[in-house]
Amino acid sequence: MQLSQTEEELMQHLWKLKKAFMKDLLEAYPESEQPAPTTVATLLKRMQDKGFVDYKQFGRSREYFPLVKKSDYFSKHVNGLIKKFFNNSTSQFASFFTSETNLSEKELQELKSIIDKEIKKKQS
């Protein structure tokens, strides 16, 4: 199950805050982009129905928290992208990513270093 763009934006705030009341989530948005409280409430309800968030009740207030880790969500998202657009080929994805994103030589070296470290981990 995936989040819509607006749900994902709200989820980003919740991941950063770890747990939050409605007012905390509203304050996390830049003032000029702050959605209406009813919009956030609707998004939270949809995200709860999808199994991404839950809450603890404190009197009349709800403290929301994520049920899905950010790393798990984005890992699944990236793997879906690789499957859908790159015939499930990570090498095709890596080739596209490195050639189409205008990475500097330094950034490419950093990527190479990360890959080399992962290779060493797998060999141990």
PDB file of N, CA and C in Angstrom:
ATOM      1  N   MET A   1       0.851  -1.184   0.000  1.00  0.00           N
ATOM      2  CA  MET A   1       0.000   0.000   0.000  1.00  0.00           C
ATOM      3  C   MET A   1       0.895   1.245   0.000  1.00  0.00           C
ATOM      4  N   GLN A   2       0.477   2.223  -0.781  1.00  0.00           N
ATOM      5  CA  GLN A   2       1.261   3.442  -0.904  1.00  0.00           C
ATOM      6  C   GLN A   2       0.521   4.634  -0.332  1.00  0.00           C
ATOM      7  N   LEU A   3       1.287   5.670  -0.043  1.00  0.00           N
ATOM      8  CA  LEU A   3       0.732   6.934   0.422  1.00  0.00           C
ATOM      9  C   LEU A   3       0.611   7.887  -0.753  1.00  0.00           C
ATOM     10  N   SER A   4      -0.398   8.747  -0.709  1.00  0.00           N
ATOM     11  CA  SER A   4      -0.497   9.815  -1.704  1.00  0.00           C
ATOM     12  C   SER A   4       0.601  10.842  -1.386  1.00  0.00           C
ATOM     13  N   GLN A   5       0.798  11.779  -2.277  1.00  0.00           N
ATOM     14  CA  GLN A   5       1.837  12.795  -2.062  1.00  0.00           C
ATOM     15  C   GLN A   5       1.572  13.606  -0.791  1.00  0.00           C
ATOM     16  N   THR A   6       0.326  13.991  -0.551  1.00  0.00           N
ATOM     17  CA  THR A   6       0.015  14.782   0.648  1.00  0.00           C
ATOM     18  C   THR A   6       0.140  13.931   1.915  1.00  0.00           C
ATOM     19  N   GLU A   7      -0.245  12.656   1.823  1.00  0.00           N
ATOM     20  CA  GLU A   7      -0.079  11.756   2.965  1.00  0.00           C
ATOM     21  C   GLU A   7       1.408  11.556   3.269  1.00  0.00           C
ATOM     22  N   GLU A   8       2.191  11.390   2.201  1.00  0.00           N
ATOM     23  CA  GLU A   8       3.628  11.186   2.381  1.00  0.00           C
ATOM     24  C   GLU A   8       4.283  12.405   3.029  1.00  0.00           C
ATOM     25  N   GLU A   9       3.854  13.585   2.629  1.00  0.00           N
ATOM     26  CA  GLU A   9       4.387  14.819   3.228  1.00  0.00           C
ATOM     27  C   GLU A   9       4.061  14.869   4.727  1.00  0.00           C
ATOM     28  N   LEU A  10       2.839  14.528   5.087  1.00  0.00           N
ATOM     29  CA  LEU A  10       2.445  14.500   6.490  1.00  0.00           C
ATOM     30  C   LEU A  10       3.223  13.411   7.235  1.00  0.00           C
ATOM     31  N   MET A  11       3.401  12.274   6.596  1.00  0.00           N
ATOM     32  CA  MET A  11       4.146  11.170   7.204  1.00  0.00           C
ATOM     33  C   MET A  11       5.594  11.582   7.460  1.00  0.00           C
ATOM     34  N   GLN A  12       6.177  12.366   6.560  1.00  0.00           N
ATOM     35  CA  GLN A  12       7.550  12.865   6.756  1.00  0.00           C
ATOM     36  C   GLN A  12       7.638  13.644   8.070  1.00  0.00           C
ATOM     37  N   HIS A  13       6.658  14.478   8.329  1.00  0.00           N
ATOM     38  CA  HIS A  13       6.629  15.244   9.578  1.00  0.00           C
ATOM     39  C   HIS A  13       6.500  14.310  10.787  1.00  0.00           C
ATOM     40  N   LEU A  14       5.636  13.313  10.659  1.00  0.00           N
ATOM     41  CA  LEU A  14       5.420  12.380  11.763  1.00  0.00           C
ATOM     42  C   LEU A  14       6.668  11.532  12.022  1.00  0.00           C
ATOM     43  N   TRP A  15       7.348  11.109  10.958  1.00  0.00           N
ATOM     44  CA  TRP A  15       8.602  10.366  11.149  1.00  0.00           C
ATOM     45  C   TRP A  15       9.633  11.223  11.874  1.00  0.00           C
ATOM     46  N   LYS A  16       9.682  12.477  11.506  1.00  0.00           N
ATOM     47  CA  LYS A  16      10.656  13.387  12.128  1.00  0.00           C
ATOM     48  C   LYS A  16      10.318  13.623  13.604  1.00  0.00           C
ATOM     49  N   LEU A  17       9.040  13.813  13.901  1.00  0.00           N
ATOM     50  CA  LEU A  17       8.609  14.093  15.272  1.00  0.00           C
ATOM     51  C   LEU A  17       8.518  12.827  16.142  1.00  0.00           C
ATOM     52  N   LYS A  18       8.381  11.675  15.520  1.00  0.00           N
ATOM     53  CA  LYS A  18       8.238  10.359  16.169  1.00  0.00           C
ATOM     54  C   LYS A  18       6.843  10.137  16.772  1.00  0.00           C
ATOM     55  N   LYS A  19       6.298  11.136  17.418  1.00  0.00           N
ATOM     56  CA  LYS A  19       4.908  11.106  17.886  1.00  0.00           C
ATOM     57  C   LYS A  19       4.467  12.560  17.987  1.00  0.00           C
ATOM     58  N   ALA A  20       3.179  12.802  17.726  1.00  0.00           N
ATOM     59  CA  ALA A  20       2.736  14.191  17.671  1.00  0.00           C
ATOM     60  C   ALA A  20       1.224  14.315  17.814  1.00  0.00           C
ATOM     61  N   PHE A  21       0.829  15.393  18.450  1.00  0.00           N
ATOM     62  CA  PHE A  21      -0.574  15.781  18.489  1.00  0.00           C
ATOM     63  C   PHE A  21      -0.866  16.587  17.227  1.00  0.00           C
ATOM     64  N   MET A  22      -2.135  16.783  16.936  1.00  0.00           N
ATOM     65  CA  MET A  22      -2.550  17.527  15.741  1.00  0.00           C
ATOM     66  C   MET A  22      -1.851  18.882  15.642  1.00  0.00           C
ATOM     67  N   LYS A  23      -1.782  19.627  16.752  1.00  0.00           N
ATOM     68  CA  LYS A  23      -1.165  20.960  16.709  1.00  0.00           C
ATOM     69  C   LYS A  23       0.317  20.875  16.351  1.00  0.00           C
ATOM     70  N   ASP A  24       1.001  19.810  16.806  1.00  0.00           N
ATOM     71  CA  ASP A  24       2.415  19.624  16.475  1.00  0.00           C
ATOM     72  C   ASP A  24       2.591  19.389  14.980  1.00  0.00           C
ATOM     73  N   LEU A  25       1.694  18.603  14.413  1.00  0.00           N
ATOM     74  CA  LEU A  25       1.771  18.320  12.980  1.00  0.00           C
ATOM     75  C   LEU A  25       1.494  19.576  12.160  1.00  0.00           C
ATOM     76  N   LEU A  26       0.509  20.354  12.573  1.00  0.00           N
ATOM     77  CA  LEU A  26       0.213  21.601  11.869  1.00  0.00           C
ATOM     78  C   LEU A  26       1.394  22.564  11.935  1.00  0.00           C
ATOM     79  N   GLU A  27       2.024  22.651  13.098  1.00  0.00           N
ATOM     80  CA  GLU A  27       3.168  23.551  13.276  1.00  0.00           C
ATOM     81  C   GLU A  27       4.399  23.082  12.508  1.00  0.00           C
ATOM     82  N   ALA A  28       4.451  21.817  12.126  1.00  0.00           N
ATOM     83  CA  ALA A  28       5.596  21.291  11.379  1.00  0.00           C
ATOM     84  C   ALA A  28       5.632  21.818   9.943  1.00  0.00           C
ATOM     85  N   TYR A  29       4.488  22.241   9.434  1.00  0.00           N
ATOM     86  CA  TYR A  29       4.421  22.802   8.087  1.00  0.00           C
ATOM     87  C   TYR A  29       4.872  24.262   8.109  1.00  0.00           C
ATOM     88  N   PRO A  30       5.501  24.734   7.025  1.00  0.00           N
ATOM     89  CA  PRO A  30       5.770  26.179   6.928  1.00  0.00           C
ATOM     90  C   PRO A  30       4.438  26.924   6.998  1.00  0.00           C
ATOM     91  N   GLU A  31       4.453  28.072   7.631  1.00  0.00           N
ATOM     92  CA  GLU A  31       3.201  28.810   7.859  1.00  0.00           C
ATOM     93  C   GLU A  31       2.410  29.041   6.576  1.00  0.00           C
ATOM     94  N   SER A  32       3.101  29.330   5.477  1.00  0.00           N
ATOM     95  CA  SER A  32       2.414  29.615   4.212  1.00  0.00           C
ATOM     96  C   SER A  32       1.809  28.368   3.572  1.00  0.00           C
ATOM     97  N   GLU A  33       2.238  27.171   4.017  1.00  0.00           N
ATOM     98  CA  GLU A  33       1.750  25.920   3.428  1.00  0.00           C
ATOM     99  C   GLU A  33       0.909  25.094   4.405  1.00  0.00           C
ATOM    100  N   GLN A  34       0.573  25.688   5.540  1.00  0.00           N
ATOM    101  CA  GLN A  34      -0.128  24.950   6.582  1.00  0.00           C
ATOM    102  C   GLN A  34      -1.538  24.580   6.132  1.00  0.00           C
ATOM    103  N   PRO A  35      -1.837  23.265   6.102  1.00  0.00           N
ATOM    104  CA  PRO A  35      -3.188  22.847   5.714  1.00  0.00           C
ATOM    105  C   PRO A  35      -4.193  23.099   6.837  1.00  0.00           C
ATOM    106  N   ALA A  36      -5.453  23.007   6.493  1.00  0.00           N
ATOM    107  CA  ALA A  36      -6.517  23.152   7.490  1.00  0.00           C
ATOM    108  C   ALA A  36      -6.490  21.941   8.427  1.00  0.00           C
ATOM    109  N   PRO A  37      -6.828  22.140   9.704  1.00  0.00           N
ATOM    110  CA  PRO A  37      -6.878  21.011  10.642  1.00  0.00           C
ATOM    111  C   PRO A  37      -7.772  19.866  10.156  1.00  0.00           C
ATOM    112  N   THR A  38      -8.874  20.188   9.491  1.00  0.00           N
ATOM    113  CA  THR A  38      -9.765  19.133   8.986  1.00  0.00           C
ATOM    114  C   THR A  38      -9.077  18.308   7.894  1.00  0.00           C
ATOM    115  N   THR A  39      -8.239  18.959   7.094  1.00  0.00           N
ATOM    116  CA  THR A  39      -7.489  18.246   6.049  1.00  0.00           C
ATOM    117  C   THR A  39      -6.513  17.264   6.684  1.00  0.00           C
ATOM    118  N   VAL A  40      -5.791  17.726   7.704  1.00  0.00           N
ATOM    119  CA  VAL A  40      -4.826  16.861   8.392  1.00  0.00           C
ATOM    120  C   VAL A  40      -5.560  15.705   9.076  1.00  0.00           C
ATOM    121  N   ALA A  41      -6.697  15.985   9.679  1.00  0.00           N
ATOM    122  CA  ALA A  41      -7.488  14.937  10.337  1.00  0.00           C
ATOM    123  C   ALA A  41      -7.925  13.878   9.321  1.00  0.00           C
ATOM    124  N   THR A  42      -8.355  14.316   8.142  1.00  0.00           N
ATOM    125  CA  THR A  42      -8.761  13.389   7.085  1.00  0.00           C
ATOM    126  C   THR A  42      -7.577  12.546   6.618  1.00  0.00           C
ATOM    127  N   LEU A  43      -6.428  13.202   6.412  1.00  0.00           N
ATOM    128  CA  LEU A  43      -5.225  12.475   5.989  1.00  0.00           C
ATOM    129  C   LEU A  43      -4.822  11.434   7.031  1.00  0.00           C
ATOM    130  N   LEU A  44      -4.847  11.829   8.296  1.00  0.00           N
ATOM    131  CA  LEU A  44      -4.483  10.900   9.371  1.00  0.00           C
ATOM    132  C   LEU A  44      -5.423   9.701   9.414  1.00  0.00           C
ATOM    133  N   LYS A  45      -6.706   9.937   9.210  1.00  0.00           N
ATOM    134  CA  LYS A  45      -7.682   8.842   9.199  1.00  0.00           C
ATOM    135  C   LYS A  45      -7.388   7.886   8.050  1.00  0.00           C
ATOM    136  N   ARG A  46      -7.115   8.429   6.863  1.00  0.00           N
ATOM    137  CA  ARG A  46      -6.793   7.572   5.704  1.00  0.00           C
ATOM    138  C   ARG A  46      -5.507   6.789   5.956  1.00  0.00           C
ATOM    139  N   MET A  47      -4.508   7.464   6.556  1.00  0.00           N
ATOM    140  CA  MET A  47      -3.230   6.808   6.834  1.00  0.00           C
ATOM    141  C   MET A  47      -3.407   5.722   7.899  1.00  0.00           C
ATOM    142  N   GLN A  48      -4.297   5.948   8.831  1.00  0.00           N
ATOM    143  CA  GLN A  48      -4.599   4.935   9.847  1.00  0.00           C
ATOM    144  C   GLN A  48      -5.285   3.732   9.192  1.00  0.00           C
ATOM    145  N   ASP A  49      -6.234   4.003   8.308  1.00  0.00           N
ATOM    146  CA  ASP A  49      -6.937   2.928   7.595  1.00  0.00           C
ATOM    147  C   ASP A  49      -5.973   2.095   6.752  1.00  0.00           C
ATOM    148  N   LYS A  50      -4.926   2.729   6.236  1.00  0.00           N
ATOM    149  CA  LYS A  50      -3.920   2.033   5.423  1.00  0.00           C
ATOM    150  C   LYS A  50      -2.870   1.318   6.285  1.00  0.00           C
ATOM    151  N   GLY A  51      -2.907   1.549   7.600  1.00  0.00           N
ATOM    152  CA  GLY A  51      -1.971   0.879   8.492  1.00  0.00           C
ATOM    153  C   GLY A  51      -0.633   1.572   8.661  1.00  0.00           C
ATOM    154  N   PHE A  52      -0.571   2.866   8.352  1.00  0.00           N
ATOM    155  CA  PHE A  52       0.672   3.610   8.477  1.00  0.00           C
ATOM    156  C   PHE A  52       0.818   4.333   9.809  1.00  0.00           C
ATOM    157  N   VAL A  53      -0.295   4.715  10.419  1.00  0.00           N
ATOM    158  CA  VAL A  53      -0.246   5.435  11.695  1.00  0.00           C
ATOM    159  C   VAL A  53      -1.301   4.880  12.655  1.00  0.00           C
ATOM    160  N   ASP A  54      -1.076   5.180  13.920  1.00  0.00           N
ATOM    161  CA  ASP A  54      -2.075   4.901  14.939  1.00  0.00           C
ATOM    162  C   ASP A  54      -1.982   6.031  15.960  1.00  0.00           C
ATOM    163  N   TYR A  55      -2.777   5.951  17.002  1.00  0.00           N
ATOM    164  CA  TYR A  55      -2.755   7.021  18.003  1.00  0.00           C
ATOM    165  C   TYR A  55      -3.078   6.476  19.377  1.00  0.00           C
ATOM    166  N   LYS A  56      -2.684   7.282  20.374  1.00  0.00           N
ATOM    167  CA  LYS A  56      -3.091   7.038  21.758  1.00  0.00           C
ATOM    168  C   LYS A  56      -4.018   8.179  22.132  1.00  0.00           C
ATOM    169  N   GLN A  57      -5.094   7.828  22.799  1.00  0.00           N
ATOM    170  CA  GLN A  57      -6.077   8.830  23.207  1.00  0.00           C
ATOM    171  C   GLN A  57      -5.694   9.399  24.574  1.00  0.00           C
ATOM    172  N   PHE A  58      -5.651  10.718  24.679  1.00  0.00           N
ATOM    173  CA  PHE A  58      -5.404  11.421  25.940  1.00  0.00           C
ATOM    174  C   PHE A  58      -6.553  12.400  26.127  1.00  0.00           C
ATOM    175  N   GLY A  59      -7.593  11.980  26.853  1.00  0.00           N
ATOM    176  CA  GLY A  59      -8.781  12.823  26.982  1.00  0.00           C
ATOM    177  C   GLY A  59      -9.414  12.983  25.612  1.00  0.00           C
ATOM    178  N   ARG A  60      -9.508  14.234  25.157  1.00  0.00           N
ATOM    179  CA  ARG A  60     -10.082  14.496  23.835  1.00  0.00           C
ATOM    180  C   ARG A  60      -9.008  14.633  22.762  1.00  0.00           C
ATOM    181  N   SER A  61      -7.754  14.511  23.134  1.00  0.00           N
ATOM    182  CA  SER A  61      -6.647  14.657  22.187  1.00  0.00           C
ATOM    183  C   SER A  61      -6.078  13.303  21.793  1.00  0.00           C
ATOM    184  N   ARG A  62      -5.554  13.262  20.592  1.00  0.00           N
ATOM    185  CA  ARG A  62      -4.919  12.050  20.088  1.00  0.00           C
ATOM    186  C   ARG A  62      -3.450  12.339  19.793  1.00  0.00           C
ATOM    187  N   GLU A  63      -2.597  11.446  20.264  1.00  0.00           N
ATOM    188  CA  GLU A  63      -1.172  11.542  19.952  1.00  0.00           C
ATOM    189  C   GLU A  63      -0.872  10.474  18.895  1.00  0.00           C
ATOM    190  N   TYR A  64      -0.507  10.933  17.703  1.00  0.00           N
ATOM    191  CA  TYR A  64      -0.276  10.042  16.578  1.00  0.00           C
ATOM    192  C   TYR A  64       1.174   9.576  16.551  1.00  0.00           C
ATOM    193  N   PHE A  65       1.385   8.368  16.041  1.00  0.00           N
ATOM    194  CA  PHE A  65       2.730   7.831  15.889  1.00  0.00           C
ATOM    195  C   PHE A  65       2.760   6.915  14.662  1.00  0.00           C
ATOM    196  N   PRO A  66       3.925   6.818  14.012  1.00  0.00           N
ATOM    197  CA  PRO A  66       4.018   5.963  12.823  1.00  0.00           C
ATOM    198  C   PRO A  66       4.064   4.490  13.189  1.00  0.00           C
ATOM    199  N   LEU A  67       3.450   3.670  12.363  1.00  0.00           N
ATOM    200  CA  LEU A  67       3.515   2.216  12.513  1.00  0.00           C
ATOM    201  C   LEU A  67       4.535   1.619  11.538  1.00  0.00           C
ATOM    202  N   VAL A  68       4.917   2.422  10.543  1.00  0.00           N
ATOM    203  CA  VAL A  68       5.853   1.986   9.512  1.00  0.00           C
ATOM    204  C   VAL A  68       7.112   2.840   9.612  1.00  0.00           C
ATOM    205  N   LYS A  69       8.273   2.179   9.601  1.00  0.00           N
ATOM    206  CA  LYS A  69       9.542   2.917   9.634  1.00  0.00           C
ATOM    207  C   LYS A  69       9.774   3.579   8.288  1.00  0.00           C
ATOM    208  N   LYS A  70      10.381   4.755   8.332  1.00  0.00           N
ATOM    209  CA  LYS A  70      10.689   5.488   7.111  1.00  0.00           C
ATOM    210  C   LYS A  70      11.563   4.644   6.181  1.00  0.00           C
ATOM    211  N   SER A  71      12.575   3.995   6.733  1.00  0.00           N
ATOM    212  CA  SER A  71      13.481   3.195   5.901  1.00  0.00           C
ATOM    213  C   SER A  71      12.740   2.036   5.234  1.00  0.00           C
ATOM    214  N   ASP A  72      11.804   1.407   5.938  1.00  0.00           N
ATOM    215  CA  ASP A  72      11.032   0.302   5.352  1.00  0.00           C
ATOM    216  C   ASP A  72      10.139   0.804   4.214  1.00  0.00           C
ATOM    217  N   TYR A  73       9.504   1.953   4.430  1.00  0.00           N
ATOM    218  CA  TYR A  73       8.613   2.509   3.407  1.00  0.00           C
ATOM    219  C   TYR A  73       9.386   2.837   2.143  1.00  0.00           C
ATOM    220  N   PHE A  74      10.511   3.529   2.303  1.00  0.00           N
ATOM    221  CA  PHE A  74      11.248   3.953   1.120  1.00  0.00           C
ATOM    222  C   PHE A  74      11.985   2.803   0.456  1.00  0.00           C
ATOM    223  N   SER A  75      12.373   1.817   1.222  1.00  0.00           N
ATOM    224  CA  SER A  75      12.997   0.629   0.638  1.00  0.00           C
ATOM    225  C   SER A  75      11.999  -0.075  -0.281  1.00  0.00           C
ATOM    226  N   LYS A  76      10.771  -0.241   0.198  1.00  0.00           N
ATOM    227  CA  LYS A  76       9.726  -0.874  -0.599  1.00  0.00           C
ATOM    228  C   LYS A  76       9.405  -0.023  -1.829  1.00  0.00           C
ATOM    229  N   HIS A  77       9.389   1.288  -1.640  1.00  0.00           N
ATOM    230  CA  HIS A  77       9.102   2.229  -2.717  1.00  0.00           C
ATOM    231  C   HIS A  77      10.165   2.137  -3.817  1.00  0.00           C
ATOM    232  N   VAL A  78      11.435   2.153  -3.419  1.00  0.00           N
ATOM    233  CA  VAL A  78      12.540   2.089  -4.379  1.00  0.00           C
ATOM    234  C   VAL A  78      12.547   0.733  -5.088  1.00  0.00           C
ATOM    235  N   ASN A  79      12.335  -0.340  -4.333  1.00  0.00           N
ATOM    236  CA  ASN A  79      12.294  -1.666  -4.954  1.00  0.00           C
ATOM    237  C   ASN A  79      11.155  -1.773  -5.966  1.00  0.00           C
ATOM    238  N   GLY A  80      10.025  -1.146  -5.654  1.00  0.00           N
ATOM    239  CA  GLY A  80       8.903  -1.122  -6.597  1.00  0.00           C
ATOM    240  C   GLY A  80       9.246  -0.351  -7.858  1.00  0.00           C
ATOM    241  N   LEU A  81       9.951   0.745  -7.696  1.00  0.00           N
ATOM    242  CA  LEU A  81      10.405   1.539  -8.837  1.00  0.00           C
ATOM    243  C   LEU A  81      11.333   0.726  -9.731  1.00  0.00           C
ATOM    244  N   ILE A  82      12.276   0.035  -9.109  1.00  0.00           N
ATOM    245  CA  ILE A  82      13.236  -0.779  -9.862  1.00  0.00           C
ATOM    246  C   ILE A  82      12.498  -1.876 -10.627  1.00  0.00           C
ATOM    247  N   LYS A  83      11.535  -2.495  -9.969  1.00  0.00           N
ATOM    248  CA  LYS A  83      10.773  -3.563 -10.619  1.00  0.00           C
ATOM    249  C   LYS A  83       9.939  -3.019 -11.777  1.00  0.00           C
ATOM    250  N   LYS A  84       9.270  -1.886 -11.536  1.00  0.00           N
ATOM    251  CA  LYS A  84       8.344  -1.340 -12.525  1.00  0.00           C
ATOM    252  C   LYS A  84       9.040  -0.703 -13.727  1.00  0.00           C
ATOM    253  N   PHE A  85      10.090   0.065 -13.486  1.00  0.00           N
ATOM    254  CA  PHE A  85      10.697   0.843 -14.561  1.00  0.00           C
ATOM    255  C   PHE A  85      12.013   0.285 -15.101  1.00  0.00           C
ATOM    256  N   PHE A  86      12.614  -0.646 -14.378  1.00  0.00           N
ATOM    257  CA  PHE A  86      13.935  -1.137 -14.785  1.00  0.00           C
ATOM    258  C   PHE A  86      13.978  -2.662 -14.876  1.00  0.00           C
ATOM    259  N   ASN A  87      12.842  -3.279 -15.179  1.00  0.00           N
ATOM    260  CA  ASN A  87      12.752  -4.737 -15.355  1.00  0.00           C
ATOM    261  C   ASN A  87      13.381  -5.501 -14.197  1.00  0.00           C
ATOM    262  N   ASN A  88      13.222  -4.972 -13.001  1.00  0.00           N
ATOM    263  CA  ASN A  88      13.759  -5.592 -11.789  1.00  0.00           C
ATOM    264  C   ASN A  88      15.287  -5.709 -11.815  1.00  0.00           C
ATOM    265  N   SER A  89      15.926  -4.830 -12.584  1.00  0.00           N
ATOM    266  CA  SER A  89      17.389  -4.856 -12.718  1.00  0.00           C
ATOM    267  C   SER A  89      18.003  -3.687 -11.946  1.00  0.00           C
ATOM    268  N   THR A  90      18.675  -4.006 -10.857  1.00  0.00           N
ATOM    269  CA  THR A  90      19.333  -2.944 -10.082  1.00  0.00           C
ATOM    270  C   THR A  90      20.476  -2.321 -10.867  1.00  0.00           C
ATOM    271  N   SER A  91      21.121  -3.085 -11.739  1.00  0.00           N
ATOM    272  CA  SER A  91      22.217  -2.504 -12.525  1.00  0.00           C
ATOM    273  C   SER A  91      21.676  -1.494 -13.541  1.00  0.00           C
ATOM    274  N   GLN A  92      20.501  -1.788 -14.135  1.00  0.00           N
ATOM    275  CA  GLN A  92      19.886  -0.801 -15.035  1.00  0.00           C
ATOM    276  C   GLN A  92      19.519   0.466 -14.264  1.00  0.00           C
ATOM    277  N   PHE A  93      18.981   0.279 -13.060  1.00  0.00           N
ATOM    278  CA  PHE A  93      18.634   1.421 -12.218  1.00  0.00           C
ATOM    279  C   PHE A  93      19.885   2.230 -11.871  1.00  0.00           C
ATOM    280  N   ALA A  94      20.957   1.553 -11.449  1.00  0.00           N
ATOM    281  CA  ALA A  94      22.195   2.238 -11.075  1.00  0.00           C
ATOM    282  C   ALA A  94      22.779   2.990 -12.265  1.00  0.00           C
ATOM    283  N   SER A  95      22.746   2.369 -13.439  1.00  0.00           N
ATOM    284  CA  SER A  95      23.250   3.023 -14.649  1.00  0.00           C
ATOM    285  C   SER A  95      22.449   4.290 -14.949  1.00  0.00           C
ATOM    286  N   PHE A  96      21.128   4.172 -14.900  1.00  0.00           N
ATOM    287  CA  PHE A  96      20.263   5.332 -15.137  1.00  0.00           C
ATOM    288  C   PHE A  96      20.524   6.410 -14.086  1.00  0.00           C
ATOM    289  N   PHE A  97      20.536   6.010 -12.824  1.00  0.00           N
ATOM    290  CA  PHE A  97      20.715   6.955 -11.720  1.00  0.00           C
ATOM    291  C   PHE A  97      22.029   7.722 -11.845  1.00  0.00           C
ATOM    292  N   THR A  98      23.105   7.016 -12.127  1.00  0.00           N
ATOM    293  CA  THR A  98      24.422   7.673 -12.175  1.00  0.00           C
ATOM    294  C   THR A  98      24.614   8.514 -13.422  1.00  0.00           C
ATOM    295  N   SER A  99      23.960   8.143 -14.525  1.00  0.00           N
ATOM    296  CA  SER A  99      24.152   8.917 -15.750  1.00  0.00           C
ATOM    297  C   SER A  99      23.153  10.067 -15.905  1.00  0.00           C
ATOM    298  N   GLU A 100      21.971   9.928 -15.337  1.00  0.00           N
ATOM    299  CA  GLU A 100      20.917  10.931 -15.554  1.00  0.00           C
ATOM    300  C   GLU A 100      20.764  11.957 -14.433  1.00  0.00           C
ATOM    301  N   THR A 101      21.515  11.835 -13.370  1.00  0.00           N
ATOM    302  CA  THR A 101      21.338  12.757 -12.249  1.00  0.00           C
ATOM    303  C   THR A 101      22.455  13.782 -12.123  1.00  0.00           C
ATOM    304  N   ASN A 102      23.356  13.824 -13.094  1.00  0.00           N
ATOM    305  CA  ASN A 102      24.448  14.810 -13.101  1.00  0.00           C
ATOM    306  C   ASN A 102      25.249  14.818 -11.805  1.00  0.00           C
ATOM    307  N   LEU A 103      25.611  13.640 -11.337  1.00  0.00           N
ATOM    308  CA  LEU A 103      26.412  13.548 -10.124  1.00  0.00           C
ATOM    309  C   LEU A 103      27.829  14.025 -10.403  1.00  0.00           C
ATOM    310  N   SER A 104      28.398  14.694  -9.418  1.00  0.00           N
ATOM    311  CA  SER A 104      29.787  15.140  -9.546  1.00  0.00           C
ATOM    312  C   SER A 104      30.720  13.949  -9.359  1.00  0.00           C
ATOM    313  N   GLU A 105      31.982  14.134  -9.700  1.00  0.00           N
ATOM    314  CA  GLU A 105      32.963  13.065  -9.499  1.00  0.00           C
ATOM    315  C   GLU A 105      33.045  12.696  -8.020  1.00  0.00           C
ATOM    316  N   LYS A 106      32.978  13.708  -7.151  1.00  0.00           N
ATOM    317  CA  LYS A 106      33.037  13.459  -5.708  1.00  0.00           C
ATOM    318  C   LYS A 106      31.845  12.598  -5.257  1.00  0.00           C
ATOM    319  N   GLU A 107      30.652  12.928  -5.744  1.00  0.00           N
ATOM    320  CA  GLU A 107      29.456  12.167  -5.374  1.00  0.00           C
ATOM    321  C   GLU A 107      29.546  10.727  -5.886  1.00  0.00           C
ATOM    322  N   LEU A 108      30.072  10.552  -7.100  1.00  0.00           N
ATOM    323  CA  LEU A 108      30.253   9.204  -7.637  1.00  0.00           C
ATOM    324  C   LEU A 108      31.257   8.414  -6.798  1.00  0.00           C
ATOM    325  N   GLN A 109      32.326   9.071  -6.344  1.00  0.00           N
ATOM    326  CA  GLN A 109      33.314   8.413  -5.483  1.00  0.00           C
ATOM    327  C   GLN A 109      32.678   7.999  -4.158  1.00  0.00           C
ATOM    328  N   GLU A 110      31.819   8.866  -3.609  1.00  0.00           N
ATOM    329  CA  GLU A 110      31.121   8.542  -2.367  1.00  0.00           C
ATOM    330  C   GLU A 110      30.208   7.329  -2.550  1.00  0.00           C
ATOM    331  N   LEU A 111      29.499   7.287  -3.677  1.00  0.00           N
ATOM    332  CA  LEU A 111      28.650   6.131  -3.981  1.00  0.00           C
ATOM    333  C   LEU A 111      29.484   4.863  -4.099  1.00  0.00           C
ATOM    334  N   LYS A 112      30.602   4.975  -4.788  1.00  0.00           N
ATOM    335  CA  LYS A 112      31.503   3.826  -4.950  1.00  0.00           C
ATOM    336  C   LYS A 112      31.980   3.343  -3.581  1.00  0.00           C
ATOM    337  N   SER A 113      32.310   4.264  -2.701  1.00  0.00           N
ATOM    338  CA  SER A 113      32.764   3.913  -1.363  1.00  0.00           C
ATOM    339  C   SER A 113      31.665   3.182  -0.587  1.00  0.00           C
ATOM    340  N   ILE A 114      30.445   3.665  -0.692  1.00  0.00           N
ATOM    341  CA  ILE A 114      29.307   3.025  -0.027  1.00  0.00           C
ATOM    342  C   ILE A 114      29.121   1.602  -0.561  1.00  0.00           C
ATOM    343  N   ILE A 115      29.192   1.453  -1.863  1.00  0.00           N
ATOM    344  CA  ILE A 115      29.036   0.126  -2.482  1.00  0.00           C
ATOM    345  C   ILE A 115      30.169  -0.799  -2.056  1.00  0.00           C
ATOM    346  N   ASP A 116      31.397  -0.286  -2.043  1.00  0.00           N
ATOM    347  CA  ASP A 116      32.538  -1.100  -1.611  1.00  0.00           C
ATOM    348  C   ASP A 116      32.368  -1.584  -0.174  1.00  0.00           C
ATOM    349  N   LYS A 117      31.866  -0.718   0.699  1.00  0.00           N
ATOM    350  CA  LYS A 117      31.631  -1.116   2.101  1.00  0.00           C
ATOM    351  C   LYS A 117      30.573  -2.215   2.199  1.00  0.00           C
ATOM    352  N   GLU A 118      29.518  -2.098   1.403  1.00  0.00           N
ATOM    353  CA  GLU A 118      28.469  -3.115   1.401  1.00  0.00           C
ATOM    354  C   GLU A 118      28.999  -4.451   0.885  1.00  0.00           C
ATOM    355  N   ILE A 119      29.858  -4.396  -0.126  1.00  0.00           N
ATOM    356  CA  ILE A 119      30.462  -5.626  -0.646  1.00  0.00           C
ATOM    357  C   ILE A 119      31.296  -6.300   0.429  1.00  0.00           C
ATOM    358  N   LYS A 120      32.078  -5.519   1.159  1.00  0.00           N
ATOM    359  CA  LYS A 120      32.914  -6.073   2.243  1.00  0.00           C
ATOM    360  C   LYS A 120      32.044  -6.719   3.323  1.00  0.00           C
ATOM    361  N   LYS A 121      30.922  -6.073   3.667  1.00  0.00           N
ATOM    362  CA  LYS A 121      30.002  -6.637   4.668  1.00  0.00           C
ATOM    363  C   LYS A 121      29.481  -7.994   4.231  1.00  0.00           C
ATOM    364  N   LYS A 122      29.120  -8.099   2.951  1.00  0.00           N
ATOM    365  CA  LYS A 122      28.533  -9.331   2.428  1.00  0.00           C
ATOM    366  C   LYS A 122      29.576 -10.446   2.362  1.00  0.00           C
ATOM    367  N   GLN A 123      30.857 -10.082   2.210  1.00  0.00           N
ATOM    368  CA  GLN A 123      31.920 -11.069   2.124  1.00  0.00           C
ATOM    369  C   GLN A 123      32.325 -11.601   3.486  1.00  0.00           C
ATOM    370  N   SER A 124      31.976 -10.871   4.546  1.00  0.00           N
ATOM    371  CA  SER A 124      32.377 -11.304   5.894  1.00  0.00           C
ATOM    372  C   SER A 124      31.516 -12.425   6.420  1.00  0.00           C
TER     373      SER A 124
END
